[in-house]
Amino acid sequence: MAGPNSRRNNKGFDIEAPESDRDAGLDLLSEKVSLLKSATMGIKNEVDSHRRILDDLDRNVSGIRGMLGSLGTKFTQVLNNKGNNKYIYGSG
């Protein structure tokens, strides 16, 4: 690559380096960018998957919360009517 007396431009690149050295550096950079892109896409896919799981869980919990709320109301009615011998059965 660059020798001890090489000239560099204002960006720090050796302007006297052979084109093959620059091409090799660009190939290596391209390889690293591809690996980074693959890793990033893998992370995105995992995040999307976890988001779907959490959304499904939220929907299920919301349904259970509604069911428990109505059962709680029914049980409160039973407890408030102690003299009344009615039985209320909840099923889901």
Protein backbone atom coordinates (compact mmCIF):
# COMPACT_ATOMS: atom_id res chain seq x y z
CA MET A 1 0.00 0.00 0.00
CA ALA A 2 1.45 3.35 0.99
CA GLY A 3 5.18 3.73 1.36
CA PRO A 4 6.93 5.87 3.98
CA ASN A 5 7.38 8.76 1.52
CA SER A 6 3.94 8.57 -0.06
CA ARG A 7 1.94 11.67 -0.76
CA ARG A 8 -1.53 12.00 0.69
CA ASN A 9 -4.33 14.25 -0.40
CA ASN A 10 -6.33 16.38 2.02
CA LYS A 11 -8.66 13.42 2.76
CA GLY A 12 -5.77 11.21 3.91
CA PHE A 13 -5.68 8.96 0.86
CA ASP A 14 -2.37 7.95 -0.69
CA ILE A 15 -2.56 9.48 -4.14
CA GLU A 16 0.38 7.39 -5.34
CA ALA A 17 -0.98 4.01 -4.25
CA PRO A 18 -1.46 1.54 -7.08
CA GLU A 19 -4.99 1.17 -8.33
CA SER A 20 -5.01 -2.52 -7.36
CA ASP A 21 -4.38 -1.55 -3.71
CA ARG A 22 -7.27 0.89 -3.79
CA ASP A 23 -9.50 -1.72 -5.46
CA ALA A 24 -8.59 -4.25 -2.77
CA GLY A 25 -9.46 -1.71 -0.09
CA LEU A 26 -12.78 -0.94 -1.76
CA ASP A 27 -13.57 -4.65 -2.04
CA LEU A 28 -12.87 -5.10 1.67
CA LEU A 29 -15.02 -2.08 2.51
CA SER A 30 -17.82 -3.42 0.32
CA GLU A 31 -17.62 -6.78 2.12
CA LYS A 32 -17.86 -5.08 5.53
CA VAL A 33 -20.82 -2.95 4.40
CA SER A 34 -22.61 -6.08 3.17
CA LEU A 35 -22.04 -7.81 6.52
CA LEU A 36 -23.34 -4.77 8.37
CA LYS A 37 -26.41 -4.64 6.13
CA SER A 38 -27.11 -8.34 6.74
CA ALA A 39 -26.79 -7.89 10.50
CA THR A 40 -29.05 -4.84 10.42
CA MET A 41 -31.71 -6.67 8.40
CA GLY A 42 -31.54 -9.60 10.83
CA ILE A 43 -32.09 -7.24 13.77
CA LYS A 44 -35.01 -5.58 11.95
CA ASN A 45 -36.64 -8.96 11.30
CA GLU A 46 -36.25 -9.93 14.97
CA VAL A 47 -37.75 -6.62 16.12
CA ASP A 48 -40.71 -7.05 13.74
CA SER A 49 -41.27 -10.59 15.00
CA HIS A 50 -41.20 -9.50 18.64
CA ARG A 51 -43.53 -6.58 17.88
CA ARG A 52 -46.07 -8.99 16.36
CA ILE A 53 -45.81 -11.28 19.41
CA LEU A 54 -46.34 -8.34 21.78
CA ASP A 55 -49.30 -7.08 19.74
CA ASP A 56 -50.92 -10.54 19.90
CA LEU A 57 -50.28 -10.72 23.64
CA ASP A 58 -51.82 -7.27 24.12
CA ARG A 59 -54.97 -8.33 22.24
CA ASN A 60 -55.26 -11.51 24.32
CA VAL A 61 -54.73 -9.66 27.61
CA SER A 62 -57.30 -7.02 26.64
CA GLY A 63 -59.88 -9.75 26.04
CA ILE A 64 -59.12 -11.42 29.35
CA ARG A 65 -59.23 -8.07 31.16
CA GLY A 66 -62.72 -7.41 29.78
CA MET A 67 -63.91 -10.86 30.77
CA LEU A 68 -62.50 -10.51 34.29
CA GLY A 69 -64.10 -7.09 34.63
CA SER A 70 -67.57 -8.44 33.86
CA LEU A 71 -67.08 -11.40 36.22
CA GLY A 72 -65.94 -9.01 38.94
CA THR A 73 -69.11 -6.99 38.46
CA LYS A 74 -71.25 -10.13 38.72
CA PHE A 75 -69.48 -11.30 41.87
CA THR A 76 -69.89 -7.86 43.42
CA GLN A 77 -73.63 -8.07 42.72
CA VAL A 78 -73.79 -11.50 44.41
CA LEU A 79 -71.90 -10.28 47.46
CA ASN A 80 -74.14 -7.21 47.75
CA ASN A 81 -77.26 -9.41 47.68
CA LYS A 82 -76.38 -11.69 50.62
CA GLY A 83 -80.00 -12.48 51.36
CA ASN A 84 -80.57 -13.56 47.77
CA ASN A 85 -79.58 -17.19 47.19
CA LYS A 86 -78.79 -16.87 43.46
CA TYR A 87 -75.68 -18.40 42.02
CA ILE A 88 -73.94 -16.79 39.10
CA TYR A 89 -71.64 -18.92 37.01
CA GLY A 90 -69.07 -17.34 34.74
CA SER A 91 -67.63 -19.12 31.76
CA GLY A 92 -65.46 -17.95 28.97
